[in-house]
């Protein structure tokens, strides 16, 4: 027997499905998000990451999650439960509740291996002690200053060593002649912030995939720089190799970047280039080239280039990544990486004041 629904009953039945059934894939939320939503999103997302990195705001206490929507807008927070299973169940209950309260237009169940929506960011993530790391790069921490020579560069003396921040400046100047565009146009502060995010400015840092030293360089990269194995974690060698990598990345990124964003106002263009250069260090120049030029993945870049007056350089950089999340190699860690470096860069400025 076929059931025949009247229109009101069908309407109520359909509304119940909308409320009760989650959307199946968080990536569809990303694909459906208008590019215009990126206006101001960088600032909102950076605030969430700042809570995590600096253990303040809603992350002042541990064992919490914060929720945010596709605009990067903070929605609410929750205390974690005693087990990951119970925490995940609570996350999904709050997602559904936010949807029922019309805070978001859809919801997606998450799991230990799958992102849900509204998006949730854990306050309990591995991160460096930002203040301690800044003290290391500025030479305020014990044994954090350097001295010596490397590839013809003299850095301080045994009696008057220099800070890591000063060392970075020396190495950038040393490689100046290898760039057609002056290295002075690069953001040294972003580079120093990157050093902090990569390792906390610790000399003997080693990652699970065998990235070494302050700038987490792979042995093959250090070998390409002509560095002997015994100097792989030498601080001057690390900085010099990373700066040389920046030189190469800048050469390759500049023409592609100019094709898409060459019409931007000078300061805004340089800010965007600096941010994308840092991201290229993390994700690779090939991935960045694709992000700028690919027929599909490059749609965001072309939109922001056409409507650039509506967006800050930071919004453009984060928006290009956000709208491609879930497409290789662009994952959430790529988005957080560039946000974290911008946050630390501002913290470095605050320490100077």
C-alpha atoms as a PDB file:
ATOM      1  CA  UNK A   1       0.000   0.000   0.000  1.00  0.00           C
ATOM      2  CA  UNK A   2       1.450   3.355  -1.024  1.00  0.00           C
ATOM      3  CA  UNK A   3       1.273   6.064   1.623  1.00  0.00           C
ATOM      4  CA  UNK A   4      -0.078   9.360   0.346  1.00  0.00           C
ATOM      5  CA  UNK A   5       1.046  12.455   2.273  1.00  0.00           C
ATOM      6  CA  UNK A   6      -0.826  15.693   2.289  1.00  0.00           C
ATOM      7  CA  UNK A   7       1.279  18.815   1.636  1.00  0.00           C
ATOM      8  CA  UNK A   8       1.465  19.943   5.313  1.00  0.00           C
ATOM      9  CA  UNK A   9       2.544  16.481   6.453  1.00  0.00           C
ATOM     10  CA  UNK A  10       5.156  16.294   3.703  1.00  0.00           C
ATOM     11  CA  UNK A  11       6.457  19.715   4.736  1.00  0.00           C
ATOM     12  CA  UNK A  12       6.782  18.709   8.395  1.00  0.00           C
ATOM     13  CA  UNK A  13       8.429  15.424   7.422  1.00  0.00           C
ATOM     14  CA  UNK A  14      10.961  17.250   5.250  1.00  0.00           C
ATOM     15  CA  UNK A  15      11.759  19.778   8.026  1.00  0.00           C
ATOM     16  CA  UNK A  16      12.369  16.898  10.432  1.00  0.00           C
ATOM     17  CA  UNK A  17      14.845  15.382   7.994  1.00  0.00           C
ATOM     18  CA  UNK A  18      16.667  18.720   7.656  1.00  0.00           C
ATOM     19  CA  UNK A  19      17.008  19.056  11.428  1.00  0.00           C
ATOM     20  CA  UNK A  20      17.838  15.438  12.217  1.00  0.00           C
ATOM     21  CA  UNK A  21      20.089  14.374   9.370  1.00  0.00           C
ATOM     22  CA  UNK A  22      23.577  15.849   9.061  1.00  0.00           C
ATOM     23  CA  UNK A  23      25.249  16.741   5.794  1.00  0.00           C
ATOM     24  CA  UNK A  24      27.618  13.942   4.847  1.00  0.00           C
ATOM     25  CA  UNK A  25      30.854  15.741   3.958  1.00  0.00           C
ATOM     26  CA  UNK A  26      32.528  18.769   5.597  1.00  0.00           C
ATOM     27  CA  UNK A  27      34.321  19.522   2.320  1.00  0.00           C
ATOM     28  CA  UNK A  28      30.958  20.341   0.750  1.00  0.00           C
ATOM     29  CA  UNK A  29      30.592  23.148   3.280  1.00  0.00           C
ATOM     30  CA  UNK A  30      33.893  24.559   1.991  1.00  0.00           C
ATOM     31  CA  UNK A  31      32.824  24.210  -1.658  1.00  0.00           C
ATOM     32  CA  UNK A  32      29.491  25.909  -0.966  1.00  0.00           C
ATOM     33  CA  UNK A  33      31.037  28.821   0.919  1.00  0.00           C
ATOM     34  CA  UNK A  34      30.919  32.032  -1.172  1.00  0.00           C
ATOM     35  CA  UNK A  35      34.304  33.662  -1.719  1.00  0.00           C
ATOM     36  CA  UNK A  36      32.822  36.862  -0.298  1.00  0.00           C
ATOM     37  CA  UNK A  37      32.716  35.182   3.142  1.00  0.00           C
ATOM     38  CA  UNK A  38      36.503  35.553   3.278  1.00  0.00           C
ATOM     39  CA  UNK A  39      36.176  39.262   4.011  1.00  0.00           C
ATOM     40  CA  UNK A  40      37.403  39.642   7.587  1.00  0.00           C
ATOM     41  CA  UNK A  41      37.742  35.872   8.033  1.00  0.00           C
ATOM     42  CA  UNK A  42      41.505  36.002   8.521  1.00  0.00           C
ATOM     43  CA  UNK A  43      41.138  38.218  11.586  1.00  0.00           C
ATOM     44  CA  UNK A  44      38.429  35.982  13.051  1.00  0.00           C
ATOM     45  CA  UNK A  45      40.367  32.763  12.472  1.00  0.00           C
ATOM     46  CA  UNK A  46      43.562  34.334  13.799  1.00  0.00           C
ATOM     47  CA  UNK A  47      41.747  35.168  17.033  1.00  0.00           C
ATOM     48  CA  UNK A  48      40.838  31.494  17.490  1.00  0.00           C
ATOM     49  CA  UNK A  49      44.401  30.392  16.788  1.00  0.00           C
ATOM     50  CA  UNK A  50      45.717  33.058  19.145  1.00  0.00           C
ATOM     51  CA  UNK A  51      43.676  31.510  21.955  1.00  0.00           C
ATOM     52  CA  UNK A  52      45.333  28.150  21.226  1.00  0.00           C
ATOM     53  CA  UNK A  53      48.888  29.429  20.770  1.00  0.00           C
ATOM     54  CA  UNK A  54      48.871  31.809  23.721  1.00  0.00           C
ATOM     55  CA  UNK A  55      46.505  29.838  25.998  1.00  0.00           C
ATOM     56  CA  UNK A  56      44.150  32.760  26.459  1.00  0.00           C
ATOM     57  CA  UNK A  57      40.569  33.690  25.623  1.00  0.00           C
ATOM     58  CA  UNK A  58      38.332  30.625  25.632  1.00  0.00           C
ATOM     59  CA  UNK A  59      41.479  28.440  25.659  1.00  0.00           C
ATOM     60  CA  UNK A  60      42.775  29.925  28.899  1.00  0.00           C
ATOM     61  CA  UNK A  61      41.813  26.631  30.550  1.00  0.00           C
ATOM     62  CA  UNK A  62      42.867  23.311  28.959  1.00  0.00           C
ATOM     63  CA  UNK A  63      40.664  20.453  27.730  1.00  0.00           C
ATOM     64  CA  UNK A  64      38.302  22.578  25.683  1.00  0.00           C
ATOM     65  CA  UNK A  65      37.063  22.967  22.128  1.00  0.00           C
ATOM     66  CA  UNK A  66      35.893  26.130  20.373  1.00  0.00           C
ATOM     67  CA  UNK A  67      33.381  26.073  17.517  1.00  0.00           C
ATOM     68  CA  UNK A  68      33.392  28.310  14.439  1.00  0.00           C
ATOM     69  CA  UNK A  69      31.497  28.577  11.167  1.00  0.00           C
ATOM     70  CA  UNK A  70      32.445  28.931   7.510  1.00  0.00           C
ATOM     71  CA  UNK A  71      33.052  32.659   7.981  1.00  0.00           C
ATOM     72  CA  UNK A  72      35.585  31.941  10.745  1.00  0.00           C
ATOM     73  CA  UNK A  73      33.085  33.327  13.252  1.00  0.00           C
ATOM     74  CA  UNK A  74      33.350  32.007  16.831  1.00  0.00           C
ATOM     75  CA  UNK A  75      30.103  30.294  17.884  1.00  0.00           C
ATOM     76  CA  UNK A  76      30.593  28.711  21.301  1.00  0.00           C
ATOM     77  CA  UNK A  77      32.930  26.566  23.386  1.00  0.00           C
ATOM     78  CA  UNK A  78      32.746  23.385  25.462  1.00  0.00           C
ATOM     79  CA  UNK A  79      34.697  21.546  28.123  1.00  0.00           C
ATOM     80  CA  UNK A  80      35.917  18.124  27.018  1.00  0.00           C
ATOM     81  CA  UNK A  81      34.648  14.921  28.601  1.00  0.00           C
ATOM     82  CA  UNK A  82      36.848  12.310  30.276  1.00  0.00           C
ATOM     83  CA  UNK A  83      37.208  10.129  27.160  1.00  0.00           C
ATOM     84  CA  UNK A  84      37.671  10.920  23.484  1.00  0.00           C
ATOM     85  CA  UNK A  85      34.494   8.980  22.660  1.00  0.00           C
ATOM     86  CA  UNK A  86      32.415  11.009  25.106  1.00  0.00           C
ATOM     87  CA  UNK A  87      34.034  14.227  23.905  1.00  0.00           C
ATOM     88  CA  UNK A  88      33.197  13.403  20.296  1.00  0.00           C
ATOM     89  CA  UNK A  89      29.597  12.648  21.235  1.00  0.00           C
ATOM     90  CA  UNK A  90      29.357  15.997  23.010  1.00  0.00           C
ATOM     91  CA  UNK A  91      30.874  17.800  20.025  1.00  0.00           C
ATOM     92  CA  UNK A  92      28.202  16.358  17.753  1.00  0.00           C
ATOM     93  CA  UNK A  93      25.382  17.187  20.176  1.00  0.00           C
ATOM     94  CA  UNK A  94      26.503  20.813  20.264  1.00  0.00           C
ATOM     95  CA  UNK A  95      26.801  20.884  16.467  1.00  0.00           C
ATOM     96  CA  UNK A  96      23.217  19.712  16.153  1.00  0.00           C
ATOM     97  CA  UNK A  97      22.077  22.218  18.769  1.00  0.00           C
ATOM     98  CA  UNK A  98      23.799  25.076  16.942  1.00  0.00           C
ATOM     99  CA  UNK A  99      21.998  24.020  13.783  1.00  0.00           C
ATOM    100  CA  UNK A 100      18.631  23.817  15.548  1.00  0.00           C
ATOM    101  CA  UNK A 101      19.247  27.281  16.990  1.00  0.00           C
ATOM    102  CA  UNK A 102      19.883  28.618  13.464  1.00  0.00           C
ATOM    103  CA  UNK A 103      23.512  29.497  14.210  1.00  0.00           C
ATOM    104  CA  UNK A 104      24.544  27.487  11.133  1.00  0.00           C
ATOM    105  CA  UNK A 105      22.585  26.326   8.102  1.00  0.00           C
ATOM    106  CA  UNK A 106      23.737  22.692   8.342  1.00  0.00           C
ATOM    107  CA  UNK A 107      25.587  20.294  10.581  1.00  0.00           C
ATOM    108  CA  UNK A 108      27.920  17.339  10.079  1.00  0.00           C
ATOM    109  CA  UNK A 109      28.802  14.598  12.510  1.00  0.00           C
ATOM    110  CA  UNK A 110      32.505  14.440  13.260  1.00  0.00           C
ATOM    111  CA  UNK A 111      34.653  11.547  14.461  1.00  0.00           C
ATOM    112  CA  UNK A 112      38.217  10.996  15.614  1.00  0.00           C
ATOM    113  CA  UNK A 113      39.254  10.817  11.960  1.00  0.00           C
ATOM    114  CA  UNK A 114      36.694  13.076  10.251  1.00  0.00           C
ATOM    115  CA  UNK A 115      36.044  16.802  10.537  1.00  0.00           C
ATOM    116  CA  UNK A 116      32.531  17.818  11.523  1.00  0.00           C
ATOM    117  CA  UNK A 117      30.590  21.042  11.075  1.00  0.00           C
ATOM    118  CA  UNK A 118      30.354  23.533  12.663  1.00  0.00           C
ATOM    119  CA  UNK A 119      34.134  23.243  12.748  1.00  0.00           C
ATOM    120  CA  UNK A 120      35.726  22.618  16.142  1.00  0.00           C
ATOM    121  CA  UNK A 121      39.250  23.531  17.183  1.00  0.00           C
ATOM    122  CA  UNK A 122      40.881  21.839  20.157  1.00  0.00           C
ATOM    123  CA  UNK A 123      42.614  24.045  22.703  1.00  0.00           C
ATOM    124  CA  UNK A 124      44.892  21.085  23.495  1.00  0.00           C
ATOM    125  CA  UNK A 125      47.298  20.991  20.578  1.00  0.00           C
ATOM    126  CA  UNK A 126      51.088  20.704  20.490  1.00  0.00           C
ATOM    127  CA  UNK A 127      52.527  24.176  20.327  1.00  0.00           C
ATOM    128  CA  UNK A 128      55.643  26.002  21.346  1.00  0.00           C
ATOM    129  CA  UNK A 129      55.929  28.381  24.277  1.00  0.00           C
ATOM    130  CA  UNK A 130      55.682  31.577  22.246  1.00  0.00           C
ATOM    131  CA  UNK A 131      57.117  33.952  24.851  1.00  0.00           C
ATOM    132  CA  UNK A 132      60.034  31.627  25.637  1.00  0.00           C
ATOM    133  CA  UNK A 133      60.708  31.161  21.917  1.00  0.00           C
ATOM    134  CA  UNK A 134      60.689  34.902  21.277  1.00  0.00           C
ATOM    135  CA  UNK A 135      63.185  35.334  24.093  1.00  0.00           C
ATOM    136  CA  UNK A 136      65.401  32.754  22.373  1.00  0.00           C
ATOM    137  CA  UNK A 137      65.333  34.480  18.986  1.00  0.00           C
ATOM    138  CA  UNK A 138      65.963  37.871  20.582  1.00  0.00           C
ATOM    139  CA  UNK A 139      68.891  36.555  22.602  1.00  0.00           C
ATOM    140  CA  UNK A 140      67.241  37.113  25.968  1.00  0.00           C
ATOM    141  CA  UNK A 141      67.271  33.443  27.004  1.00  0.00           C
ATOM    142  CA  UNK A 142      70.441  31.772  28.371  1.00  0.00           C
ATOM    143  CA  UNK A 143      72.787  30.419  25.687  1.00  0.00           C
ATOM    144  CA  UNK A 144      70.459  31.603  22.902  1.00  0.00           C
ATOM    145  CA  UNK A 145      72.963  33.911  21.204  1.00  0.00           C
ATOM    146  CA  UNK A 146      75.331  32.765  18.473  1.00  0.00           C
ATOM    147  CA  UNK A 147      78.778  33.587  17.227  1.00  0.00           C
ATOM    148  CA  UNK A 148      81.067  32.186  14.575  1.00  0.00           C
ATOM    149  CA  UNK A 149      81.559  32.171  10.827  1.00  0.00           C
ATOM    150  CA  UNK A 150      79.719  30.445   8.019  1.00  0.00           C
ATOM    151  CA  UNK A 151      80.299  30.688   4.287  1.00  0.00           C
ATOM    152  CA  UNK A 152      82.222  33.914   4.719  1.00  0.00           C
ATOM    153  CA  UNK A 153      79.691  35.474   7.106  1.00  0.00           C
ATOM    154  CA  UNK A 154      80.943  36.496  10.534  1.00  0.00           C
ATOM    155  CA  UNK A 155      78.323  36.534  13.270  1.00  0.00           C
ATOM    156  CA  UNK A 156      79.435  38.289  16.435  1.00  0.00           C
ATOM    157  CA  UNK A 157      82.356  37.130  18.555  1.00  0.00           C
ATOM    158  CA  UNK A 158      82.764  34.800  21.492  1.00  0.00           C
ATOM    159  CA  UNK A 159      82.672  37.790  23.841  1.00  0.00           C
ATOM    160  CA  UNK A 160      79.886  39.560  21.939  1.00  0.00           C
ATOM    161  CA  UNK A 161      77.541  36.978  20.395  1.00  0.00           C
ATOM    162  CA  UNK A 162      74.424  38.100  18.506  1.00  0.00           C
ATOM    163  CA  UNK A 163      70.773  37.105  18.602  1.00  0.00           C
ATOM    164  CA  UNK A 164      69.179  34.661  16.191  1.00  0.00           C
ATOM    165  CA  UNK A 165      67.084  37.542  14.896  1.00  0.00           C
ATOM    166  CA  UNK A 166      70.258  39.462  14.025  1.00  0.00           C
ATOM    167  CA  UNK A 167      71.713  36.325  12.440  1.00  0.00           C
ATOM    168  CA  UNK A 168      68.711  36.026  10.131  1.00  0.00           C
ATOM    169  CA  UNK A 169      69.306  39.626   9.007  1.00  0.00           C
ATOM    170  CA  UNK A 170      72.962  38.873   8.268  1.00  0.00           C
ATOM    171  CA  UNK A 171      72.125  35.818   6.186  1.00  0.00           C
ATOM    172  CA  UNK A 172      69.456  37.674   4.208  1.00  0.00           C
ATOM    173  CA  UNK A 173      71.973  40.410   3.434  1.00  0.00           C
ATOM    174  CA  UNK A 174      74.549  37.786   2.465  1.00  0.00           C
ATOM    175  CA  UNK A 175      72.212  36.269  -0.144  1.00  0.00           C
ATOM    176  CA  UNK A 176      70.990  39.675  -1.359  1.00  0.00           C
ATOM    177  CA  UNK A 177      72.985  39.588  -4.593  1.00  0.00           C
ATOM    178  CA  UNK A 178      71.347  36.320  -5.668  1.00  0.00           C
ATOM    179  CA  UNK A 179      67.912  37.907  -6.081  1.00  0.00           C
ATOM    180  CA  UNK A 180      66.722  40.194  -8.840  1.00  0.00           C
ATOM    181  CA  UNK A 181      64.304  41.670  -6.264  1.00  0.00           C
ATOM    182  CA  UNK A 182      65.962  43.005  -3.119  1.00  0.00           C
ATOM    183  CA  UNK A 183      65.760  40.765  -0.093  1.00  0.00           C
ATOM    184  CA  UNK A 184      64.923  43.887   1.863  1.00  0.00           C
ATOM    185  CA  UNK A 185      61.429  43.567   0.439  1.00  0.00           C
ATOM    186  CA  UNK A 186      60.994  40.217   2.180  1.00  0.00           C
ATOM    187  CA  UNK A 187      59.559  40.170   5.659  1.00  0.00           C
ATOM    188  CA  UNK A 188      62.343  39.175   8.043  1.00  0.00           C
ATOM    189  CA  UNK A 189      59.804  39.134  10.843  1.00  0.00           C
ATOM    190  CA  UNK A 190      57.717  36.486   9.093  1.00  0.00           C
ATOM    191  CA  UNK A 191      60.859  34.406   8.609  1.00  0.00           C
ATOM    192  CA  UNK A 192      61.728  34.693  12.314  1.00  0.00           C
ATOM    193  CA  UNK A 193      58.129  33.842  13.205  1.00  0.00           C
ATOM    194  CA  UNK A 194      58.419  30.796  10.978  1.00  0.00           C
ATOM    195  CA  UNK A 195      61.524  29.712  12.867  1.00  0.00           C
ATOM    196  CA  UNK A 196      59.484  29.879  16.089  1.00  0.00           C
ATOM    197  CA  UNK A 197      56.545  27.900  14.703  1.00  0.00           C
ATOM    198  CA  UNK A 198      58.817  25.276  13.165  1.00  0.00           C
ATOM    199  CA  UNK A 199      60.838  24.481  16.283  1.00  0.00           C
ATOM    200  CA  UNK A 200      60.406  27.006  19.068  1.00  0.00           C
ATOM    201  CA  UNK A 201      63.867  28.245  17.997  1.00  0.00           C
ATOM    202  CA  UNK A 202      65.444  25.105  19.475  1.00  0.00           C
ATOM    203  CA  UNK A 203      68.751  24.013  17.981  1.00  0.00           C
ATOM    204  CA  UNK A 204      68.309  20.251  18.290  1.00  0.00           C
ATOM    205  CA  UNK A 205      64.626  19.970  17.340  1.00  0.00           C
ATOM    206  CA  UNK A 206      63.745  16.832  15.343  1.00  0.00           C
ATOM    207  CA  UNK A 207      60.344  15.950  13.936  1.00  0.00           C
ATOM    208  CA  UNK A 208      58.759  12.518  13.602  1.00  0.00           C
ATOM    209  CA  UNK A 209      59.572  12.529   9.872  1.00  0.00           C
ATOM    210  CA  UNK A 210      63.245  13.446  10.520  1.00  0.00           C
ATOM    211  CA  UNK A 211      63.106  17.176   9.810  1.00  0.00           C
ATOM    212  CA  UNK A 212      66.029  18.670  11.697  1.00  0.00           C
ATOM    213  CA  UNK A 213      67.054  21.794  13.560  1.00  0.00           C
ATOM    214  CA  UNK A 214      65.513  25.194  14.103  1.00  0.00           C
ATOM    215  CA  UNK A 215      64.017  25.380  10.625  1.00  0.00           C
ATOM    216  CA  UNK A 216      63.060  21.706  10.391  1.00  0.00           C
ATOM    217  CA  UNK A 217      64.995  20.996   7.219  1.00  0.00           C
ATOM    218  CA  UNK A 218      65.128  17.499   5.767  1.00  0.00           C
ATOM    219  CA  UNK A 219      68.581  15.879   5.386  1.00  0.00           C
ATOM    220  CA  UNK A 220      68.220  15.897   1.604  1.00  0.00           C
ATOM    221  CA  UNK A 221      67.614  19.661   1.636  1.00  0.00           C
ATOM    222  CA  UNK A 222      70.611  20.254   3.886  1.00  0.00           C
ATOM    223  CA  UNK A 223      72.669  18.033   1.607  1.00  0.00           C
ATOM    224  CA  UNK A 224      71.542  20.087  -1.418  1.00  0.00           C
ATOM    225  CA  UNK A 225      72.838  23.140   0.463  1.00  0.00           C
ATOM    226  CA  UNK A 226      76.242  21.444   0.594  1.00  0.00           C
ATOM    227  CA  UNK A 227      76.187  21.097   4.366  1.00  0.00           C
ATOM    228  CA  UNK A 228      78.186  18.304   5.946  1.00  0.00           C
ATOM    229  CA  UNK A 229      76.137  15.933   8.108  1.00  0.00           C
ATOM    230  CA  UNK A 230      77.909  17.014  11.294  1.00  0.00           C
ATOM    231  CA  UNK A 231      76.635  20.573  10.742  1.00  0.00           C
ATOM    232  CA  UNK A 232      73.005  19.682   9.943  1.00  0.00           C
ATOM    233  CA  UNK A 233      71.745  21.314  13.159  1.00  0.00           C
ATOM    234  CA  UNK A 234      74.306  24.115  13.271  1.00  0.00           C
ATOM    235  CA  UNK A 235      72.252  27.292  13.718  1.00  0.00           C
ATOM    236  CA  UNK A 236      74.114  29.414  11.175  1.00  0.00           C
ATOM    237  CA  UNK A 237      74.014  26.560   8.657  1.00  0.00           C
ATOM    238  CA  UNK A 238      70.280  26.077   9.206  1.00  0.00           C
ATOM    239  CA  UNK A 239      69.469  29.748   8.716  1.00  0.00           C
ATOM    240  CA  UNK A 240      71.721  30.033   5.670  1.00  0.00           C
ATOM    241  CA  UNK A 241      70.227  26.950   4.020  1.00  0.00           C
ATOM    242  CA  UNK A 242      66.680  28.174   4.710  1.00  0.00           C
ATOM    243  CA  UNK A 243      67.466  31.638   3.319  1.00  0.00           C
ATOM    244  CA  UNK A 244      68.938  30.036   0.203  1.00  0.00           C
ATOM    245  CA  UNK A 245      65.716  28.062  -0.119  1.00  0.00           C
ATOM    246  CA  UNK A 246      63.812  31.361   0.191  1.00  0.00           C
ATOM    247  CA  UNK A 247      65.926  32.815  -2.601  1.00  0.00           C
ATOM    248  CA  UNK A 248      64.955  29.913  -4.875  1.00  0.00           C
ATOM    249  CA  UNK A 249      61.294  30.051  -3.846  1.00  0.00           C
ATOM    250  CA  UNK A 250      61.138  33.809  -4.377  1.00  0.00           C
ATOM    251  CA  UNK A 251      62.598  33.506  -7.872  1.00  0.00           C
ATOM    252  CA  UNK A 252      60.032  30.872  -8.827  1.00  0.00           C
ATOM    253  CA  UNK A 253      57.047  32.465  -7.121  1.00  0.00           C
ATOM    254  CA  UNK A 254      57.542  36.038  -8.338  1.00  0.00           C
ATOM    255  CA  UNK A 255      56.542  35.641 -12.027  1.00  0.00           C
ATOM    256  CA  UNK A 256      53.532  33.428 -11.260  1.00  0.00           C
ATOM    257  CA  UNK A 257      52.389  35.718  -8.457  1.00  0.00           C
ATOM    258  CA  UNK A 258      52.796  38.812 -10.631  1.00  0.00           C
ATOM    259  CA  UNK A 259      50.626  37.289 -13.347  1.00  0.00           C
ATOM    260  CA  UNK A 260      47.718  36.970 -10.893  1.00  0.00           C
ATOM    261  CA  UNK A 261      48.257  39.772  -8.379  1.00  0.00           C
ATOM    262  CA  UNK A 262      50.636  42.170 -10.126  1.00  0.00           C
ATOM    263  CA  UNK A 263      47.980  44.896 -10.253  1.00  0.00           C
ATOM    264  CA  UNK A 264      47.649  45.204  -6.463  1.00  0.00           C
ATOM    265  CA  UNK A 265      48.783  48.332  -4.648  1.00  0.00           C
ATOM    266  CA  UNK A 266      52.481  48.072  -3.763  1.00  0.00           C
ATOM    267  CA  UNK A 267      52.259  47.557   0.005  1.00  0.00           C
ATOM    268  CA  UNK A 268      49.349  45.156  -0.215  1.00  0.00           C
ATOM    269  CA  UNK A 269      51.051  43.227  -3.000  1.00  0.00           C
ATOM    270  CA  UNK A 270      54.254  42.862  -0.992  1.00  0.00           C
ATOM    271  CA  UNK A 271      52.389  41.739   2.125  1.00  0.00           C
ATOM    272  CA  UNK A 272      50.521  39.081   0.158  1.00  0.00           C
ATOM    273  CA  UNK A 273      53.701  37.934  -1.574  1.00  0.00           C
ATOM    274  CA  UNK A 274      55.513  37.584   1.764  1.00  0.00           C
ATOM    275  CA  UNK A 275      52.709  35.467   3.228  1.00  0.00           C
ATOM    276  CA  UNK A 276      52.501  33.214   0.173  1.00  0.00           C
ATOM    277  CA  UNK A 277      56.289  32.870   0.169  1.00  0.00           C
ATOM    278  CA  UNK A 278      56.160  31.581   3.746  1.00  0.00           C
ATOM    279  CA  UNK A 279      53.367  29.187   2.751  1.00  0.00           C
ATOM    280  CA  UNK A 280      55.461  27.998  -0.216  1.00  0.00           C
ATOM    281  CA  UNK A 281      58.229  27.060   2.229  1.00  0.00           C
ATOM    282  CA  UNK A 282      55.717  24.873   4.059  1.00  0.00           C
ATOM    283  CA  UNK A 283      53.718  23.391   1.174  1.00  0.00           C
ATOM    284  CA  UNK A 284      56.136  23.606  -1.764  1.00  0.00           C
ATOM    285  CA  UNK A 285      56.404  25.910  -4.739  1.00  0.00           C
ATOM    286  CA  UNK A 286      54.591  23.410  -6.965  1.00  0.00           C
ATOM    287  CA  UNK A 287      51.550  23.400  -4.706  1.00  0.00           C
ATOM    288  CA  UNK A 288      51.557  27.201  -4.516  1.00  0.00           C
ATOM    289  CA  UNK A 289      51.842  27.515  -8.303  1.00  0.00           C
ATOM    290  CA  UNK A 290      48.831  25.230  -8.658  1.00  0.00           C
ATOM    291  CA  UNK A 291      46.917  27.278  -6.091  1.00  0.00           C
ATOM    292  CA  UNK A 292      47.542  30.379  -8.183  1.00  0.00           C
ATOM    293  CA  UNK A 293      47.070  29.029 -11.710  1.00  0.00           C
ATOM    294  CA  UNK A 294      45.104  25.761 -11.812  1.00  0.00           C
ATOM    295  CA  UNK A 295      41.792  25.879 -13.643  1.00  0.00           C
ATOM    296  CA  UNK A 296      39.891  24.588 -10.608  1.00  0.00           C
ATOM    297  CA  UNK A 297      42.067  25.273  -7.557  1.00  0.00           C
ATOM    298  CA  UNK A 298      42.978  28.702  -8.910  1.00  0.00           C
ATOM    299  CA  UNK A 299      39.373  29.935  -8.974  1.00  0.00           C
ATOM    300  CA  UNK A 300      39.725  31.472  -5.518  1.00  0.00           C
ATOM    301  CA  UNK A 301      42.916  33.326  -6.459  1.00  0.00           C
ATOM    302  CA  UNK A 302      41.305  34.697  -9.625  1.00  0.00           C
ATOM    303  CA  UNK A 303      38.229  35.854  -7.705  1.00  0.00           C
ATOM    304  CA  UNK A 304      40.308  37.610  -5.056  1.00  0.00           C
ATOM    305  CA  UNK A 305      42.492  39.186  -7.743  1.00  0.00           C
ATOM    306  CA  UNK A 306      39.412  40.577  -9.493  1.00  0.00           C
ATOM    307  CA  UNK A 307      37.781  41.813  -6.279  1.00  0.00           C
ATOM    308  CA  UNK A 308      40.951  42.606  -4.325  1.00  0.00           C
ATOM    309  CA  UNK A 309      39.711  45.945  -3.026  1.00  0.00           C
ATOM    310  CA  UNK A 310      37.184  44.127  -0.824  1.00  0.00           C
ATOM    311  CA  UNK A 311      39.822  42.009   0.937  1.00  0.00           C
ATOM    312  CA  UNK A 312      42.989  42.496   2.957  1.00  0.00           C
ATOM    313  CA  UNK A 313      46.177  40.714   1.906  1.00  0.00           C
ATOM    314  CA  UNK A 314      45.690  38.398   4.895  1.00  0.00           C
ATOM    315  CA  UNK A 315      42.116  37.606   3.830  1.00  0.00           C
ATOM    316  CA  UNK A 316      43.286  36.762   0.318  1.00  0.00           C
ATOM    317  CA  UNK A 317      46.067  34.459   1.527  1.00  0.00           C
ATOM    318  CA  UNK A 318      43.890  32.550   3.990  1.00  0.00           C
ATOM    319  CA  UNK A 319      40.912  32.561   1.633  1.00  0.00           C
ATOM    320  CA  UNK A 320      42.894  30.913  -1.161  1.00  0.00           C
ATOM    321  CA  UNK A 321      43.759  28.045   1.186  1.00  0.00           C
ATOM    322  CA  UNK A 322      40.399  27.829   2.952  1.00  0.00           C
ATOM    323  CA  UNK A 323      38.444  27.455  -0.280  1.00  0.00           C
ATOM    324  CA  UNK A 324      40.708  24.588  -1.332  1.00  0.00           C
ATOM    325  CA  UNK A 325      40.736  22.665   1.942  1.00  0.00           C
ATOM    326  CA  UNK A 326      40.406  18.944   1.315  1.00  0.00           C
ATOM    327  CA  UNK A 327      42.243  19.121  -1.997  1.00  0.00           C
ATOM    328  CA  UNK A 328      45.790  17.822  -1.891  1.00  0.00           C
ATOM    329  CA  UNK A 329      47.974  19.045  -0.316  1.00  0.00           C
ATOM    330  CA  UNK A 330      45.780  21.666   1.359  1.00  0.00           C
ATOM    331  CA  UNK A 331      44.657  20.569   4.797  1.00  0.00           C
ATOM    332  CA  UNK A 332      43.787  22.445   7.962  1.00  0.00           C
ATOM    333  CA  UNK A 333      47.419  22.372   9.065  1.00  0.00           C
ATOM    334  CA  UNK A 334      48.296  24.492   6.007  1.00  0.00           C
ATOM    335  CA  UNK A 335      45.691  27.085   6.948  1.00  0.00           C
ATOM    336  CA  UNK A 336      46.772  27.145  10.592  1.00  0.00           C
ATOM    337  CA  UNK A 337      50.452  27.330   9.629  1.00  0.00           C
ATOM    338  CA  UNK A 338      50.186  30.683   7.881  1.00  0.00           C
ATOM    339  CA  UNK A 339      47.788  32.056  10.513  1.00  0.00           C
ATOM    340  CA  UNK A 340      50.132  31.028  13.330  1.00  0.00           C
ATOM    341  CA  UNK A 341      53.118  32.675  11.670  1.00  0.00           C
ATOM    342  CA  UNK A 342      51.207  35.942  11.247  1.00  0.00           C
ATOM    343  CA  UNK A 343      50.197  35.784  14.927  1.00  0.00           C
ATOM    344  CA  UNK A 344      53.775  35.215  16.075  1.00  0.00           C
ATOM    345  CA  UNK A 345      54.984  37.961  13.753  1.00  0.00           C
ATOM    346  CA  UNK A 346      52.711  40.428  15.555  1.00  0.00           C
ATOM    347  CA  UNK A 347      53.878  39.081  18.923  1.00  0.00           C
ATOM    348  CA  UNK A 348      57.466  39.810  17.845  1.00  0.00           C
ATOM    349  CA  UNK A 349      56.460  43.393  17.109  1.00  0.00           C
ATOM    350  CA  UNK A 350      54.821  43.678  20.524  1.00  0.00           C
ATOM    351  CA  UNK A 351      58.069  42.546  22.206  1.00  0.00           C
ATOM    352  CA  UNK A 352      59.906  45.368  20.440  1.00  0.00           C
ATOM    353  CA  UNK A 353      57.582  48.055  21.778  1.00  0.00           C
END
